[in-house]
């Protein structure tokens, strides 16, 4: 095995509000080139934040998506959602929702009512996974995966566990199906716990430090709320927790296709973007009330 080196440790950029309910750091595409983490297009991270009690709903109103998938992971707090297919539900702590927007969907997401009224710590990550050109107009669908449905791989010597969301780790298959090769892990490390991650050298790979301080390859330390971009120059790297830590590993085979993005649409050409706006204006994404 050849070690995959760290290319960059990215400090959390200034936060911005998405709607009224999500205070996020956008690590990409704002901090690195939009092709660099393909097939992942966006990472918005709401670091742990206390929201006081409120009787006014917090969240993001009705908005469209086409051409990609959204993956939402709840670390603290609860998110409710509804869409134009009639689907809806609540993403509880530890759960994730993998939504394929595909050909087009209207969506809204907001703090779950009881959580909103009670207030509390809120911590979420949302990843946009770009769809291959041949799958961009696939019918919308959901994969709602509760925490108990995520397969775990136990690390040696009580180091911790790897929750395998997609792909596989040490023979444990992930819970989610994907349109292109993706490895997606939520790793929980005990103090001084160590994990070795083996991935194809050509896969674009990055690590979000959700909690704790993590030493990469026994060399460089990344603190909580930082993103570690790894070079495509090896097939393995190590993560070691100085204390209890949680890390989100994103890795995938790059699509190597053109990307043209505008607002809530990620397509391959400008013409497809214009068509998406036209279809949205003409009501082809369905109907959803605020």
Protein backbone atom coordinates (compact mmCIF):
# COMPACT_ATOMS: atom_id res chain seq x y z
CA UNK A 1 0.00 0.00 0.00
CA UNK A 2 1.10 3.53 -0.74
CA UNK A 3 0.16 6.35 1.63
CA UNK A 4 -2.23 9.00 0.35
CA UNK A 5 -0.87 12.38 1.51
CA UNK A 6 -2.75 15.41 2.78
CA UNK A 7 -3.17 18.07 0.11
CA UNK A 8 -4.84 20.71 2.26
CA UNK A 9 -6.44 21.18 5.66
CA UNK A 10 -9.22 23.71 5.19
CA UNK A 11 -10.38 25.80 8.15
CA UNK A 12 -14.13 26.38 8.36
CA UNK A 13 -15.05 29.32 6.13
CA UNK A 14 -17.37 32.05 7.46
CA UNK A 15 -20.90 30.80 8.05
CA UNK A 16 -23.95 31.85 6.07
CA UNK A 17 -27.60 31.11 6.61
CA UNK A 18 -29.48 28.77 4.31
CA UNK A 19 -33.04 29.86 4.89
CA UNK A 20 -33.66 30.58 8.56
CA UNK A 21 -32.70 27.19 9.96
CA UNK A 22 -29.25 26.19 8.74
CA UNK A 23 -26.06 28.06 9.68
CA UNK A 24 -23.49 26.46 7.43
CA UNK A 25 -19.84 26.43 6.45
CA UNK A 26 -19.58 25.70 2.73
CA UNK A 27 -16.35 23.77 2.17
CA UNK A 28 -16.94 23.14 -1.49
CA UNK A 29 -17.42 24.28 -4.16
CA UNK A 30 -16.52 27.63 -2.49
CA UNK A 31 -13.10 26.62 -1.10
CA UNK A 32 -11.90 24.22 -3.81
CA UNK A 33 -12.55 23.76 -7.52
CA UNK A 34 -15.99 22.25 -8.23
CA UNK A 35 -14.40 19.29 -10.05
CA UNK A 36 -11.88 18.49 -7.32
CA UNK A 37 -14.21 16.33 -5.18
CA UNK A 38 -16.29 14.87 -8.05
CA UNK A 39 -18.68 13.06 -7.84
CA UNK A 40 -19.40 15.18 -4.74
CA UNK A 41 -20.38 18.72 -5.71
CA UNK A 42 -21.21 20.48 -2.43
CA UNK A 43 -20.57 20.13 1.28
CA UNK A 44 -22.55 22.35 3.64
CA UNK A 45 -21.79 21.77 7.31
CA UNK A 46 -23.83 23.21 10.17
CA UNK A 47 -21.33 22.88 13.02
CA UNK A 48 -22.84 22.29 16.45
CA UNK A 49 -24.93 25.39 17.20
CA UNK A 50 -27.50 26.13 19.88
CA UNK A 51 -30.86 27.32 18.56
CA UNK A 52 -33.09 28.85 21.27
CA UNK A 53 -36.74 27.87 21.59
CA UNK A 54 -39.02 29.43 18.97
CA UNK A 55 -42.64 29.32 17.93
CA UNK A 56 -41.65 30.58 14.47
CA UNK A 57 -40.73 27.72 12.11
CA UNK A 58 -37.07 27.69 11.05
CA UNK A 59 -35.92 26.17 7.79
CA UNK A 60 -35.84 26.44 4.01
CA UNK A 61 -39.04 27.03 2.07
CA UNK A 62 -40.09 25.33 -1.15
CA UNK A 63 -37.23 25.07 -3.66
CA UNK A 64 -36.48 22.89 -6.71
CA UNK A 65 -33.63 20.47 -7.45
CA UNK A 66 -32.54 18.63 -10.60
CA UNK A 67 -29.53 16.63 -11.72
CA UNK A 68 -28.05 15.41 -8.43
CA UNK A 69 -28.70 13.86 -5.03
CA UNK A 70 -28.75 15.39 -1.54
CA UNK A 71 -27.51 13.44 1.46
CA UNK A 72 -28.44 14.88 4.85
CA UNK A 73 -26.93 13.53 8.07
CA UNK A 74 -28.26 14.55 11.48
CA UNK A 75 -25.74 14.63 14.34
CA UNK A 76 -27.81 16.78 16.72
CA UNK A 77 -31.35 18.08 16.33
CA UNK A 78 -34.15 16.95 14.06
CA UNK A 79 -35.12 17.96 10.53
CA UNK A 80 -38.54 17.49 8.97
CA UNK A 81 -39.10 17.58 5.21
CA UNK A 82 -41.80 17.40 2.53
CA UNK A 83 -41.70 17.29 -1.26
CA UNK A 84 -43.80 17.41 -4.41
CA UNK A 85 -44.01 13.61 -4.70
CA UNK A 86 -46.01 13.51 -1.47
CA UNK A 87 -43.12 12.11 0.54
CA UNK A 88 -42.13 13.50 3.92
CA UNK A 89 -40.72 12.57 7.27
CA UNK A 90 -38.32 13.43 10.08
CA UNK A 91 -34.56 12.90 10.10
CA UNK A 92 -33.74 12.02 13.72
CA UNK A 93 -30.34 12.22 15.38
CA UNK A 94 -28.06 9.59 13.84
CA UNK A 95 -30.29 9.15 10.78
CA UNK A 96 -29.65 10.13 7.20
CA UNK A 97 -31.74 10.87 4.16
CA UNK A 98 -30.47 10.19 0.64
CA UNK A 99 -32.69 12.06 -1.81
CA UNK A 100 -32.33 11.56 -5.55
CA UNK A 101 -33.70 14.74 -7.15
CA UNK A 102 -33.03 13.36 -10.63
CA UNK A 103 -35.42 14.80 -13.22
CA UNK A 104 -36.84 17.31 -10.78
CA UNK A 105 -38.48 17.73 -7.40
CA UNK A 106 -39.77 20.49 -5.13
CA UNK A 107 -38.57 20.19 -1.57
CA UNK A 108 -38.71 21.97 1.77
CA UNK A 109 -36.88 21.20 5.00
CA UNK A 110 -37.14 22.72 8.43
CA UNK A 111 -36.53 22.12 12.12
CA UNK A 112 -38.93 19.48 13.41
CA UNK A 113 -41.78 21.16 15.30
CA UNK A 114 -41.10 19.86 18.82
CA UNK A 115 -37.37 20.46 18.49
CA UNK A 116 -38.03 23.98 17.16
CA UNK A 117 -40.26 24.82 20.14
CA UNK A 118 -37.90 23.31 22.71
CA UNK A 119 -34.64 24.54 21.17
CA UNK A 120 -31.34 22.72 21.48
CA UNK A 121 -28.06 21.86 19.82
CA UNK A 122 -28.25 21.49 16.05
CA UNK A 123 -25.54 19.84 13.93
CA UNK A 124 -26.02 18.66 10.37
CA UNK A 125 -24.06 17.88 7.22
CA UNK A 126 -25.49 17.98 3.72
CA UNK A 127 -23.63 16.62 0.72
CA UNK A 128 -24.67 17.03 -2.91
CA UNK A 129 -23.73 14.02 -5.03
CA UNK A 130 -23.62 14.77 -8.73
CA UNK A 131 -25.38 12.29 -11.00
CA UNK A 132 -23.73 10.91 -14.14
CA UNK A 133 -25.04 12.43 -17.37
CA UNK A 134 -26.95 9.26 -18.23
CA UNK A 135 -28.82 9.34 -14.90
CA UNK A 136 -29.57 13.03 -14.46
CA UNK A 137 -33.20 12.62 -15.51
CA UNK A 138 -33.86 9.52 -13.42
CA UNK A 139 -37.17 9.62 -11.49
CA UNK A 140 -36.92 11.17 -8.01
CA UNK A 141 -36.67 8.78 -5.06
CA UNK A 142 -35.67 8.58 -1.40
CA UNK A 143 -33.50 6.34 0.68
CA UNK A 144 -34.46 7.05 4.28
CA UNK A 145 -31.93 5.29 6.47
CA UNK A 146 -32.31 5.26 10.24
CA UNK A 147 -29.27 5.02 12.48
CA UNK A 148 -30.11 1.41 13.31
CA UNK A 149 -30.11 0.49 9.61
CA UNK A 150 -26.54 1.64 8.99
CA UNK A 151 -24.16 -1.35 9.01
CA UNK A 152 -21.20 -1.09 11.40
CA UNK A 153 -17.68 -2.40 11.02
CA UNK A 154 -15.85 -2.76 14.34
CA UNK A 155 -12.29 -1.46 14.34
CA UNK A 156 -9.54 -3.58 15.96
CA UNK A 157 -8.55 -3.19 19.60
CA UNK A 158 -11.68 -1.26 20.58
CA UNK A 159 -10.63 1.71 18.45
CA UNK A 160 -14.20 2.51 17.44
CA UNK A 161 -16.63 1.78 14.63
CA UNK A 162 -17.09 2.61 10.96
CA UNK A 163 -20.70 3.28 10.01
CA UNK A 164 -20.81 2.29 6.34
CA UNK A 165 -23.31 4.56 4.61
CA UNK A 166 -22.29 3.65 1.04
CA UNK A 167 -19.63 1.47 -0.52
CA UNK A 168 -17.93 -1.05 1.73
CA UNK A 169 -15.40 -1.16 4.53
CA UNK A 170 -13.53 -4.31 5.52
CA UNK A 171 -16.22 -6.46 3.92
CA UNK A 172 -19.18 -4.57 5.42
CA UNK A 173 -21.53 -3.28 2.71
CA UNK A 174 -23.09 0.15 3.03
CA UNK A 175 -26.80 0.90 3.38
CA UNK A 176 -27.28 3.23 0.40
CA UNK A 177 -27.34 2.47 -3.31
CA UNK A 178 -25.48 4.88 -5.59
CA UNK A 179 -25.34 5.74 -9.29
CA UNK A 180 -21.53 5.85 -9.41
CA UNK A 181 -18.81 4.26 -7.24
CA UNK A 182 -18.85 6.04 -3.87
CA UNK A 183 -17.40 5.32 -0.42
CA UNK A 184 -19.23 7.20 2.34
CA UNK A 185 -18.36 6.47 5.99
CA UNK A 186 -19.18 7.99 9.36
CA UNK A 187 -16.35 6.94 11.66
CA UNK A 188 -16.52 7.12 15.45
CA UNK A 189 -13.12 6.84 17.12
CA UNK A 190 -12.42 6.35 20.80
CA UNK A 191 -9.52 8.15 22.44
CA UNK A 192 -6.29 7.11 20.65
CA UNK A 193 -8.41 4.97 18.31
CA UNK A 194 -6.99 4.45 14.87
CA UNK A 195 -8.56 3.56 11.51
CA UNK A 196 -6.84 2.68 8.25
CA UNK A 197 -8.78 3.65 5.13
CA UNK A 198 -7.97 1.89 1.85
CA UNK A 199 -9.42 3.39 -1.34
CA UNK A 200 -8.53 3.39 -5.04
CA UNK A 201 -5.86 5.98 -5.76
CA UNK A 202 -7.94 7.75 -8.44
CA UNK A 203 -10.91 8.32 -6.08
CA UNK A 204 -11.29 11.93 -4.96
CA UNK A 205 -11.20 11.82 -1.17
CA UNK A 206 -11.82 14.19 1.71
CA UNK A 207 -12.54 13.99 5.43
CA UNK A 208 -14.75 16.28 7.52
CA UNK A 209 -13.74 16.41 11.18
CA UNK A 210 -17.09 16.50 12.96
CA UNK A 211 -15.76 16.17 16.52
CA UNK A 212 -12.36 15.97 18.17
CA UNK A 213 -8.80 16.35 16.92
CA UNK A 214 -7.64 13.81 14.36
CA UNK A 215 -4.07 12.99 13.28
CA UNK A 216 -3.76 12.00 9.62
CA UNK A 217 -0.98 9.58 8.65
CA UNK A 218 0.64 10.15 12.09
CA UNK A 219 1.82 13.53 10.78
CA UNK A 220 -0.75 16.31 10.55
CA UNK A 221 -3.50 17.20 12.99
CA UNK A 222 -6.89 18.49 11.91
CA UNK A 223 -9.22 19.96 14.56
CA UNK A 224 -12.98 19.77 14.69
CA UNK A 225 -14.94 21.56 11.95
CA UNK A 226 -12.04 21.36 9.47
CA UNK A 227 -12.02 19.58 6.11
CA UNK A 228 -9.03 17.52 5.01
CA UNK A 229 -8.49 17.19 1.25
CA UNK A 230 -6.28 14.22 0.37
CA UNK A 231 -4.06 13.87 -2.66
CA UNK A 232 -4.69 11.24 -5.34
CA UNK A 233 -1.22 9.79 -4.83
CA UNK A 234 -1.83 6.67 -2.78
CA UNK A 235 -4.36 4.05 -1.79
CA UNK A 236 -4.43 4.29 2.02
CA UNK A 237 -4.32 6.75 4.89
CA UNK A 238 -4.75 6.60 8.66
CA UNK A 239 -6.91 8.55 11.08
CA UNK A 240 -6.07 8.61 14.79
CA UNK A 241 -8.12 10.39 17.44
CA UNK A 242 -6.37 12.42 20.13
CA UNK A 243 -9.64 12.15 22.05
CA UNK A 244 -13.12 10.96 21.12
CA UNK A 245 -13.68 11.90 17.47
CA UNK A 246 -16.21 11.63 14.66
CA UNK A 247 -15.11 11.91 11.05
CA UNK A 248 -17.08 11.82 7.82
CA UNK A 249 -15.16 10.24 4.92
CA UNK A 250 -16.20 11.08 1.36
CA UNK A 251 -14.55 9.27 -1.53
CA UNK A 252 -15.64 8.49 -5.07
CA UNK A 253 -14.63 7.81 -8.62
CA UNK A 254 -14.64 11.15 -10.49
CA UNK A 255 -17.31 11.45 -13.16
CA UNK A 256 -15.02 13.31 -15.61
CA UNK A 257 -18.00 15.04 -17.20
CA UNK A 258 -18.71 18.75 -17.71
CA UNK A 259 -20.45 20.53 -14.84
CA UNK A 260 -22.73 23.51 -15.33
CA UNK A 261 -24.47 24.57 -12.12
CA UNK A 262 -26.92 27.33 -11.33
CA UNK A 263 -28.64 27.65 -7.97
CA UNK A 264 -30.53 24.42 -7.27
CA UNK A 265 -29.62 22.73 -10.59
CA UNK A 266 -26.46 20.77 -11.48
CA UNK A 267 -26.32 19.73 -15.14
CA UNK A 268 -23.79 19.21 -17.95
CA UNK A 269 -24.63 22.09 -20.32
CA UNK A 270 -26.00 25.62 -20.18
CA UNK A 271 -28.89 24.51 -22.37
CA UNK A 272 -29.89 21.91 -19.77
CA UNK A 273 -29.83 24.58 -17.07
CA UNK A 274 -32.10 26.84 -19.11
CA UNK A 275 -34.43 23.89 -19.70
CA UNK A 276 -34.53 23.20 -15.95
CA UNK A 277 -35.60 26.78 -15.21
CA UNK A 278 -38.20 26.62 -17.98
CA UNK A 279 -39.59 23.33 -16.67
CA UNK A 280 -39.71 24.72 -13.15
CA UNK A 281 -41.52 27.86 -14.32
CA UNK A 282 -44.02 25.70 -16.20
CA UNK A 283 -44.87 23.62 -13.15
CA UNK A 284 -43.23 20.39 -14.35
CA UNK A 285 -41.63 19.77 -10.95
CA UNK A 286 -45.04 19.26 -9.36
CA UNK A 287 -46.67 21.26 -6.60
CA UNK A 288 -45.78 21.86 -2.97
CA UNK A 289 -47.28 24.45 -0.64
CA UNK A 290 -45.14 26.51 1.73
